[in-house]
């Protein structure tokens, strides 16, 4: 089983998608549209959901770099 961080995001504007973002420790990502039951890509994101994805991805990368710095420093 792979470690992952799960985040749920519900868009405030149309189409009001209910999304789950899964950031895995190995750097992979899965985005699930909970309403449609489909896996989508970051290219399918717009506006606030894209901003959410970018902020979480940057935070994930920073935490990963800090953990590696502590491990190997």
N, C-alpha and C. Protein backbone atom coordinates (compact mmCIF):
# COMPACT_ATOMS: atom_id res chain seq x y z
N UNK A 1 0.84 -1.19 0.00
CA UNK A 1 0.00 0.00 0.00
C UNK A 1 0.88 1.24 0.00
N UNK A 2 0.57 2.19 -0.85
CA UNK A 2 1.35 3.42 -0.96
C UNK A 2 0.78 4.48 -0.03
N UNK A 3 1.68 5.25 0.60
CA UNK A 3 1.24 6.38 1.41
C UNK A 3 0.72 7.48 0.51
N UNK A 4 -0.36 8.13 0.95
CA UNK A 4 -0.86 9.26 0.17
C UNK A 4 -1.57 10.25 1.07
N UNK A 5 -1.64 11.47 0.57
CA UNK A 5 -2.39 12.53 1.22
C UNK A 5 -3.66 12.74 0.41
N UNK A 6 -4.82 12.71 1.07
CA UNK A 6 -6.10 12.90 0.39
C UNK A 6 -6.67 14.27 0.74
N UNK A 7 -7.16 14.96 -0.28
CA UNK A 7 -7.82 16.25 -0.09
C UNK A 7 -9.11 16.25 -0.89
N UNK A 8 -10.14 16.80 -0.32
CA UNK A 8 -11.42 16.92 -1.02
C UNK A 8 -11.65 18.39 -1.31
N UNK A 9 -12.10 18.70 -2.51
CA UNK A 9 -12.36 20.08 -2.91
C UNK A 9 -13.68 20.11 -3.67
N UNK A 10 -14.57 20.99 -3.24
CA UNK A 10 -15.85 21.17 -3.93
C UNK A 10 -15.85 22.57 -4.52
N UNK A 11 -16.01 22.64 -5.84
CA UNK A 11 -16.00 23.92 -6.53
C UNK A 11 -17.19 24.78 -6.10
N UNK A 12 -16.95 26.07 -5.98
CA UNK A 12 -18.01 27.00 -5.57
C UNK A 12 -18.79 27.57 -6.74
N UNK A 13 -18.28 27.35 -7.96
CA UNK A 13 -18.93 27.85 -9.16
C UNK A 13 -19.17 26.68 -10.12
N UNK A 14 -20.08 26.89 -11.04
CA UNK A 14 -20.40 25.83 -12.00
C UNK A 14 -19.14 25.31 -12.65
N UNK A 15 -18.99 24.04 -12.82
CA UNK A 15 -19.96 22.95 -12.72
C UNK A 15 -20.08 22.32 -11.34
N UNK A 16 -19.56 22.96 -10.27
CA UNK A 16 -19.68 22.48 -8.88
C UNK A 16 -19.16 21.06 -8.71
N UNK A 17 -18.01 20.78 -9.28
CA UNK A 17 -17.46 19.44 -9.17
C UNK A 17 -16.97 19.16 -7.75
N UNK A 18 -17.16 17.92 -7.33
CA UNK A 18 -16.69 17.41 -6.04
C UNK A 18 -15.47 16.55 -6.37
N UNK A 19 -14.28 17.04 -5.99
CA UNK A 19 -13.04 16.38 -6.40
C UNK A 19 -12.27 15.85 -5.21
N UNK A 20 -11.61 14.72 -5.39
CA UNK A 20 -10.68 14.18 -4.41
C UNK A 20 -9.30 14.13 -5.07
N UNK A 21 -8.33 14.74 -4.39
CA UNK A 21 -6.95 14.76 -4.85
C UNK A 21 -6.16 13.80 -3.98
N UNK A 22 -5.44 12.88 -4.61
CA UNK A 22 -4.59 11.93 -3.88
C UNK A 22 -3.15 12.14 -4.33
N UNK A 23 -2.34 12.68 -3.41
CA UNK A 23 -0.92 12.89 -3.66
C UNK A 23 -0.17 11.75 -3.01
N UNK A 24 0.49 10.94 -3.82
CA UNK A 24 1.23 9.78 -3.32
C UNK A 24 2.67 10.15 -3.01
N UNK A 25 3.27 9.44 -2.06
CA UNK A 25 4.64 9.71 -1.61
C UNK A 25 5.65 9.61 -2.75
N UNK A 26 5.38 8.81 -3.77
CA UNK A 26 6.31 8.68 -4.89
C UNK A 26 6.16 9.79 -5.93
N UNK A 27 5.29 10.79 -5.65
CA UNK A 27 5.12 11.93 -6.53
C UNK A 27 3.97 11.82 -7.51
N UNK A 28 3.32 10.66 -7.57
CA UNK A 28 2.19 10.52 -8.49
C UNK A 28 0.94 11.16 -7.89
N UNK A 29 -0.02 11.40 -8.75
CA UNK A 29 -1.25 12.09 -8.36
C UNK A 29 -2.44 11.41 -9.02
N UNK A 30 -3.53 11.33 -8.29
CA UNK A 30 -4.80 10.88 -8.84
C UNK A 30 -5.85 11.91 -8.46
N UNK A 31 -6.62 12.36 -9.44
CA UNK A 31 -7.72 13.29 -9.18
C UNK A 31 -9.00 12.58 -9.57
N UNK A 32 -9.92 12.49 -8.63
CA UNK A 32 -11.18 11.79 -8.87
C UNK A 32 -12.33 12.79 -8.83
N UNK A 33 -13.16 12.77 -9.86
CA UNK A 33 -14.40 13.53 -9.86
C UNK A 33 -15.42 12.65 -9.17
N UNK A 34 -15.75 12.95 -7.92
CA UNK A 34 -16.62 12.10 -7.12
C UNK A 34 -18.04 12.01 -7.67
N UNK A 35 -18.51 13.07 -8.30
CA UNK A 35 -19.87 13.07 -8.85
C UNK A 35 -19.97 12.13 -10.05
N UNK A 36 -19.00 12.23 -10.96
CA UNK A 36 -19.03 11.41 -12.18
C UNK A 36 -18.39 10.04 -11.96
N UNK A 37 -17.60 9.91 -10.88
CA UNK A 37 -16.91 8.65 -10.64
C UNK A 37 -15.79 8.39 -11.62
N UNK A 38 -15.17 9.47 -12.11
CA UNK A 38 -14.11 9.36 -13.10
C UNK A 38 -12.80 9.91 -12.57
N UNK A 39 -11.72 9.38 -13.10
CA UNK A 39 -10.40 9.94 -12.83
C UNK A 39 -10.14 11.00 -13.89
N UNK A 40 -9.70 12.18 -13.46
CA UNK A 40 -9.42 13.27 -14.40
C UNK A 40 -7.95 13.67 -14.27
N UNK A 41 -7.49 14.49 -15.20
CA UNK A 41 -6.10 14.95 -15.20
C UNK A 41 -6.05 16.42 -14.78
N UNK A 42 -4.88 16.91 -14.40
CA UNK A 42 -4.77 18.34 -14.08
C UNK A 42 -5.18 19.24 -15.24
N UNK A 43 -5.05 18.76 -16.46
CA UNK A 43 -5.49 19.55 -17.63
C UNK A 43 -6.99 19.81 -17.62
N UNK A 44 -7.75 18.95 -16.94
CA UNK A 44 -9.21 19.10 -16.88
C UNK A 44 -9.64 20.12 -15.84
N UNK A 45 -8.71 20.62 -15.05
CA UNK A 45 -9.03 21.56 -13.98
C UNK A 45 -9.03 22.99 -14.50
N UNK A 46 -9.88 23.82 -13.90
CA UNK A 46 -9.96 25.23 -14.27
C UNK A 46 -10.19 26.05 -13.01
N UNK A 47 -9.82 27.31 -13.07
CA UNK A 47 -10.15 28.25 -12.02
C UNK A 47 -9.71 27.82 -10.64
N UNK A 48 -10.68 27.83 -9.72
CA UNK A 48 -10.38 27.56 -8.31
C UNK A 48 -9.88 26.15 -8.05
N UNK A 49 -10.36 25.16 -8.80
CA UNK A 49 -9.87 23.80 -8.59
C UNK A 49 -8.43 23.66 -9.08
N UNK A 50 -8.05 24.38 -10.14
CA UNK A 50 -6.67 24.37 -10.62
C UNK A 50 -5.76 25.07 -9.60
N UNK A 51 -6.22 26.20 -9.06
CA UNK A 51 -5.45 26.91 -8.03
C UNK A 51 -5.24 26.03 -6.81
N UNK A 52 -6.27 25.32 -6.39
CA UNK A 52 -6.17 24.40 -5.26
C UNK A 52 -5.11 23.33 -5.55
N UNK A 53 -5.17 22.74 -6.72
CA UNK A 53 -4.21 21.72 -7.12
C UNK A 53 -2.78 22.26 -7.07
N UNK A 54 -2.56 23.44 -7.64
CA UNK A 54 -1.22 24.02 -7.69
C UNK A 54 -0.70 24.30 -6.28
N UNK A 55 -1.53 24.89 -5.42
CA UNK A 55 -1.10 25.18 -4.04
C UNK A 55 -0.75 23.90 -3.29
N UNK A 56 -1.55 22.86 -3.43
CA UNK A 56 -1.28 21.59 -2.74
C UNK A 56 -0.05 20.90 -3.32
N UNK A 57 0.14 20.98 -4.62
CA UNK A 57 1.31 20.37 -5.26
C UNK A 57 2.59 21.06 -4.78
N UNK A 58 2.58 22.38 -4.72
CA UNK A 58 3.75 23.12 -4.25
C UNK A 58 4.04 22.78 -2.79
N UNK A 59 3.01 22.74 -1.96
CA UNK A 59 3.21 22.39 -0.54
C UNK A 59 3.76 20.97 -0.41
N UNK A 60 3.26 20.05 -1.21
CA UNK A 60 3.74 18.66 -1.19
C UNK A 60 5.22 18.60 -1.57
N UNK A 61 5.60 19.32 -2.61
CA UNK A 61 6.99 19.33 -3.06
C UNK A 61 7.90 19.93 -1.99
N UNK A 62 7.46 21.02 -1.36
CA UNK A 62 8.26 21.64 -0.29
C UNK A 62 8.47 20.68 0.87
N UNK A 63 7.40 20.00 1.29
CA UNK A 63 7.54 19.04 2.39
C UNK A 63 8.48 17.90 2.02
N UNK A 64 8.37 17.43 0.79
CA UNK A 64 9.24 16.34 0.33
C UNK A 64 10.70 16.79 0.31
N UNK A 65 10.95 18.00 -0.19
CA UNK A 65 12.33 18.50 -0.22
C UNK A 65 12.89 18.69 1.18
N UNK A 66 12.09 19.21 2.09
CA UNK A 66 12.53 19.39 3.48
C UNK A 66 12.84 18.05 4.14
N UNK A 67 12.01 17.06 3.89
CA UNK A 67 12.24 15.73 4.47
C UNK A 67 13.54 15.13 3.92
N UNK A 68 13.79 15.30 2.64
CA UNK A 68 15.02 14.78 2.04
C UNK A 68 16.24 15.54 2.56
N UNK A 69 16.08 16.84 2.74
CA UNK A 69 17.18 17.65 3.25
C UNK A 69 17.54 17.19 4.67
N UNK A 70 16.55 16.95 5.50
CA UNK A 70 16.80 16.48 6.86
C UNK A 70 17.42 15.08 6.87
N UNK A 71 16.98 14.26 5.95
CA UNK A 71 17.47 12.88 5.90
C UNK A 71 18.93 12.80 5.45
N UNK A 72 19.28 13.63 4.47
CA UNK A 72 20.62 13.52 3.88
C UNK A 72 21.58 14.61 4.33
N UNK A 73 21.15 15.52 5.18
CA UNK A 73 22.04 16.61 5.65
C UNK A 73 22.87 16.20 6.83
